[in-house]
Amino acid sequence: MMFRAVTAFLLAALPTASTTGASNLDVSLATAQSFQCGETCYNNLQTTNAADLAVVGSDFDWDFYAVADNFSTSKPGDLLKLKPVNPDILTTISGVSVYRIQYVSEDHNGTYVPVSGYIALPFSLPESGEFPLVAFAHGTIGEFRGCAISNGPNLFDYSSWSLLSLEKKKKKSASWQLTKS
């Protein structure tokens, strides 16, 4: 019974989510109380909200994630928006410039949809003159706009794409040292 009550509360509270932050669990005390969510329940929601914000960040850019004006005349692969990310909010490796992108893709039915992502470019050009490409496919983390991987302070790195890019640098450096010896 309690499980159903909490589930009903959470589902009903989602439409009242914060309109300024990235978190989708920002439920007001008044809303919680109207669903018979007592002190323990509300404290659990606050704890969950803090954990949510730690992952998805709190600096959500509503304008960037709004559908671009040119979407209706675009086709899959078209870039809709490009915006630099403030490096002070990132917790990823240093030495990269990060840009949020919004572009057109297709869903499973062939319907055009706007999607977002990011591009991380090293500050300096490698000796080869070419940047190594590291493609990163993330798992699903949520449906709310604040869950976009390009929104979170760690870009949902999971210590993977940044390590891959560092590993490529390390291998090139080790290879260079072996050939110089």
Protein backbone atom coordinates (compact mmCIF):
# COMPACT_ATOMS: atom_id res chain seq x y z
CA MET A 1 0.00 0.00 0.00
CA MET A 2 2.78 2.43 0.95
CA PHE A 3 4.64 1.61 -2.29
CA ARG A 4 1.57 2.49 -4.38
CA ALA A 5 1.05 5.71 -2.44
CA VAL A 6 4.67 6.82 -2.94
CA THR A 7 4.59 5.82 -6.62
CA ALA A 8 1.35 7.75 -7.16
CA PHE A 9 2.86 10.74 -5.36
CA LEU A 10 6.00 10.72 -7.48
CA LEU A 11 4.08 10.38 -10.72
CA ALA A 12 1.71 13.17 -9.75
CA ALA A 13 4.55 15.41 -8.59
CA LEU A 14 6.54 15.18 -11.83
CA PRO A 15 4.45 17.82 -13.63
CA THR A 16 5.22 20.21 -10.78
CA ALA A 17 8.95 19.73 -11.21
CA SER A 18 11.23 22.71 -11.03
CA THR A 19 11.18 24.94 -14.08
CA THR A 20 14.64 26.38 -13.43
CA GLY A 21 16.87 23.50 -12.35
CA ALA A 22 17.95 20.35 -14.11
CA SER A 23 16.49 17.97 -11.57
CA ASN A 24 13.16 16.32 -12.19
CA LEU A 25 12.53 15.57 -8.50
CA ASP A 26 12.40 19.13 -7.17
CA VAL A 27 9.10 18.72 -5.31
CA SER A 28 7.92 21.52 -3.03
CA LEU A 29 7.00 20.81 0.59
CA ALA A 30 3.41 21.92 -0.11
CA THR A 31 3.11 19.45 -3.01
CA ALA A 32 4.61 16.65 -0.91
CA GLN A 33 2.23 17.35 1.97
CA SER A 34 -0.77 17.40 -0.38
CA PHE A 35 0.07 13.76 -1.24
CA GLN A 36 0.44 12.77 2.43
CA CYS A 37 4.22 12.68 2.14
CA GLY A 38 5.39 13.17 5.72
CA GLU A 39 8.74 14.34 7.07
CA THR A 40 10.60 11.08 6.33
CA CYS A 41 9.16 10.88 2.83
CA TYR A 42 10.02 14.52 2.11
CA ASN A 43 13.56 14.10 3.47
CA ASN A 44 13.99 11.08 1.18
CA LEU A 45 12.84 13.18 -1.77
CA GLN A 46 15.32 15.93 -0.86
CA THR A 47 18.15 13.39 -0.58
CA THR A 48 17.19 11.89 -3.93
CA ASN A 49 17.01 15.33 -5.50
CA ALA A 50 20.51 16.18 -4.24
CA ALA A 51 21.83 12.92 -5.71
CA ASP A 52 20.05 13.66 -8.99
CA LEU A 53 21.60 17.13 -9.18
CA ALA A 54 25.06 15.72 -8.44
CA VAL A 55 24.73 13.62 -11.59
CA VAL A 56 22.83 15.88 -13.99
CA GLY A 57 24.09 19.22 -12.71
CA SER A 58 22.13 22.29 -11.77
CA ASP A 59 23.15 24.68 -14.53
CA PHE A 60 20.49 23.67 -17.05
CA ASP A 61 20.31 25.80 -20.19
CA TRP A 62 16.61 25.79 -21.12
CA ASP A 63 17.21 27.91 -24.23
CA PHE A 64 19.79 25.50 -25.64
CA TYR A 65 17.65 22.41 -25.08
CA ALA A 66 14.52 24.00 -26.58
CA VAL A 67 13.85 22.75 -30.10
CA ALA A 68 15.70 24.91 -32.62
CA ASP A 69 13.69 27.26 -34.84
CA ASN A 70 15.14 25.65 -37.98
CA PHE A 71 14.23 22.07 -36.96
CA SER A 72 11.13 21.80 -39.17
CA THR A 73 13.16 22.47 -42.33
CA SER A 74 16.13 20.27 -41.39
CA LYS A 75 17.05 16.69 -42.22
CA PRO A 76 18.95 14.00 -40.27
CA GLY A 77 22.57 14.97 -39.75
CA ASP A 78 21.92 18.73 -39.86
CA LEU A 79 23.45 20.73 -37.02
CA LEU A 80 20.82 22.88 -35.32
CA LYS A 81 22.79 24.47 -32.48
CA LEU A 82 26.39 24.68 -31.27
CA LYS A 83 27.31 26.29 -27.95
CA PRO A 84 30.55 26.28 -25.93
CA VAL A 85 30.32 24.84 -22.41
CA ASN A 86 31.78 26.86 -19.54
CA PRO A 87 34.85 24.82 -18.47
CA ASP A 88 34.41 25.97 -14.86
CA ILE A 89 31.33 23.75 -14.47
CA LEU A 90 32.95 20.59 -15.89
CA THR A 91 34.50 17.82 -13.81
CA THR A 92 36.02 15.96 -16.79
CA ILE A 93 39.67 15.90 -17.83
CA SER A 94 41.30 19.24 -18.46
CA GLY A 95 42.80 20.22 -21.78
CA VAL A 96 39.62 20.01 -23.84
CA SER A 97 37.11 22.51 -25.16
CA VAL A 98 33.56 21.19 -24.97
CA TYR A 99 30.64 22.23 -27.15
CA ARG A 100 27.01 21.23 -26.76
CA ILE A 101 25.38 20.34 -30.03
CA GLN A 102 21.80 19.87 -31.12
CA TYR A 103 21.24 18.04 -34.38
CA VAL A 104 18.59 16.11 -36.29
CA SER A 105 18.29 12.33 -36.11
CA GLU A 106 15.57 9.73 -36.75
CA ASP A 107 13.67 7.65 -34.22
CA HIS A 108 12.79 3.98 -34.69
CA ASN A 109 9.78 4.95 -36.84
CA GLY A 110 11.79 7.18 -39.16
CA THR A 111 10.40 10.37 -37.63
CA TYR A 112 12.88 13.24 -37.50
CA VAL A 113 13.77 14.20 -33.92
CA PRO A 114 16.06 16.82 -32.39
CA VAL A 115 18.81 15.27 -30.27
CA SER A 116 21.67 16.69 -28.27
CA GLY A 117 25.22 15.66 -27.57
CA TYR A 118 28.63 17.18 -27.17
CA ILE A 119 31.98 17.45 -28.88
CA ALA A 120 35.20 17.60 -26.84
CA LEU A 121 38.25 18.89 -28.69
CA PRO A 122 41.81 18.88 -27.29
CA PHE A 123 43.40 22.31 -26.84
CA SER A 124 46.47 21.38 -28.88
CA LEU A 125 46.85 19.62 -32.20
CA PRO A 126 48.74 16.29 -32.06
CA GLU A 127 52.02 15.95 -33.97
CA SER A 128 50.18 13.97 -36.64
CA GLY A 129 47.97 16.98 -37.30
CA GLU A 130 44.88 14.83 -36.77
CA PHE A 131 42.65 14.42 -33.76
CA PRO A 132 41.91 10.83 -32.75
CA LEU A 133 38.17 10.16 -32.76
CA VAL A 134 36.68 8.69 -29.61
CA ALA A 135 33.00 7.86 -30.07
CA PHE A 136 31.10 7.38 -26.83
CA ALA A 137 27.76 5.60 -26.59
CA HIS A 138 26.08 6.10 -23.23
CA GLY A 139 23.28 4.19 -21.57
CA THR A 140 19.85 5.63 -20.87
CA ILE A 141 19.83 7.76 -17.73
CA GLY A 142 16.41 9.36 -17.83
CA GLU A 143 13.67 10.98 -19.87
CA PHE A 144 13.76 14.47 -18.38
CA ARG A 145 15.64 17.12 -20.39
CA GLY A 146 18.02 17.61 -17.49
CA CYS A 147 19.28 14.06 -18.04
CA ALA A 148 20.95 14.94 -21.35
CA ILE A 149 24.57 13.75 -21.31
CA SER A 150 25.67 17.15 -22.58
CA ASN A 151 24.12 18.77 -19.50
CA GLY A 152 25.93 16.99 -16.63
CA PRO A 153 29.19 18.33 -15.20
CA ASN A 154 31.05 15.10 -16.02
CA LEU A 155 29.40 14.65 -19.44
CA PHE A 156 28.56 11.12 -18.31
CA ASP A 157 32.18 10.19 -18.79
CA TYR A 158 32.12 7.17 -16.44
CA SER A 159 35.92 7.53 -16.67
CA SER A 160 35.76 6.04 -20.14
CA TRP A 161 35.99 8.48 -23.04
CA SER A 162 38.48 10.70 -21.23
CA LEU A 163 40.60 7.66 -20.36
CA LEU A 164 40.41 6.49 -23.98
CA SER A 165 41.64 9.86 -25.20
CA LEU A 166 44.43 9.87 -22.60
CA GLU A 167 45.33 6.27 -23.53
CA LYS A 168 45.72 7.26 -27.18
CA LYS A 169 48.06 10.08 -26.12
CA LYS A 170 50.02 7.72 -23.85
CA LYS A 171 50.41 5.09 -26.59
CA LYS A 172 51.61 7.70 -29.07
CA SER A 173 54.04 9.07 -26.48
CA ALA A 174 55.36 5.57 -25.63
CA SER A 175 55.66 4.75 -29.32
CA TRP A 176 57.57 7.98 -29.91
CA GLN A 177 59.95 7.23 -27.02
CA LEU A 178 60.63 3.70 -28.34
CA THR A 179 61.50 4.97 -31.80
CA LYS A 180 63.77 7.69 -30.40
CA SER A 181 65.78 5.22 -28.23
